[in-house]
Amino acid sequence: MSIDKDRVEGSTKNISGKAKEAFGKATGDQKTKTEGKADQVKGKAQNAYGSAKDKAKGK
């Protein structure tokens, strides 16, 4: 059983978004912090899409 690539890519975006947000907080860079939060949202959405595809395939 393989995991959908959207789930993997989504998780990666979410994790990198968390790191970016933390870096923005640490440096006081609001733009980087906001971009990190946006990346997390994109990652969660992509992960959910991949999960839905897996469920539709019966995985």
Protein backbone atom coordinates (compact mmCIF):
# COMPACT_ATOMS: atom_id res chain seq x y z
CA MET A 1 0.00 0.00 0.00
CA SER A 2 1.52 3.29 -1.05
CA ILE A 3 0.77 6.73 0.27
CA ASP A 4 -0.50 9.30 -2.21
CA LYS A 5 2.20 11.77 -3.26
CA ASP A 6 -0.10 14.68 -2.40
CA ARG A 7 -0.15 13.51 1.22
CA VAL A 8 3.65 13.40 1.33
CA GLU A 9 4.09 16.77 -0.38
CA GLY A 10 1.39 18.30 1.80
CA SER A 11 3.06 17.10 4.97
CA THR A 12 6.38 18.46 3.75
CA LYS A 13 4.85 21.88 3.02
CA ASN A 14 3.18 21.92 6.42
CA ILE A 15 6.44 21.13 8.24
CA SER A 16 8.47 23.64 6.25
CA GLY A 17 5.74 26.23 6.85
CA LYS A 18 6.02 25.66 10.60
CA ALA A 19 9.77 26.17 10.41
CA LYS A 20 9.34 29.31 8.31
CA GLU A 21 6.78 30.70 10.76
CA ALA A 22 9.10 29.99 13.70
CA PHE A 23 11.97 31.70 11.91
CA GLY A 24 9.76 34.72 11.22
CA LYS A 25 8.78 34.88 14.89
CA ALA A 26 12.39 34.55 16.03
CA THR A 27 13.63 37.29 13.72
CA GLY A 28 10.61 39.56 14.04
CA ASP A 29 9.94 39.25 10.31
CA GLN A 30 6.15 39.43 9.97
CA LYS A 31 6.23 38.67 6.22
CA THR A 32 8.15 35.42 6.72
CA LYS A 33 5.89 34.47 9.62
CA THR A 34 2.79 35.04 7.48
CA GLU A 35 4.27 33.12 4.55
CA GLY A 36 4.96 30.23 6.90
CA LYS A 37 1.36 30.17 8.06
CA ALA A 38 0.17 30.26 4.44
CA ASP A 39 2.48 27.36 3.56
CA GLN A 40 0.98 25.37 6.44
CA VAL A 41 -2.54 25.96 5.15
CA LYS A 42 -1.52 24.91 1.64
CA GLY A 43 0.19 21.82 3.02
CA LYS A 44 -2.80 20.80 5.11
CA ALA A 45 -5.11 21.25 2.12
CA GLN A 46 -2.86 19.19 -0.15
CA ASN A 47 -2.58 16.49 2.51
CA ALA A 48 -6.37 16.37 2.89
CA TYR A 49 -6.75 16.10 -0.89
CA GLY A 50 -4.32 13.19 -0.99
CA SER A 51 -6.09 11.52 1.91
CA ALA A 52 -9.43 11.86 0.12
CA LYS A 53 -7.92 10.32 -3.01
CA ASP A 54 -6.62 7.39 -0.95
CA LYS A 55 -10.04 6.86 0.61
CA ALA A 56 -11.68 6.96 -2.81
CA LYS A 57 -9.26 4.26 -3.96
CA GLY A 58 -10.05 2.20 -0.86
CA LYS A 59 -6.64 2.62 0.79
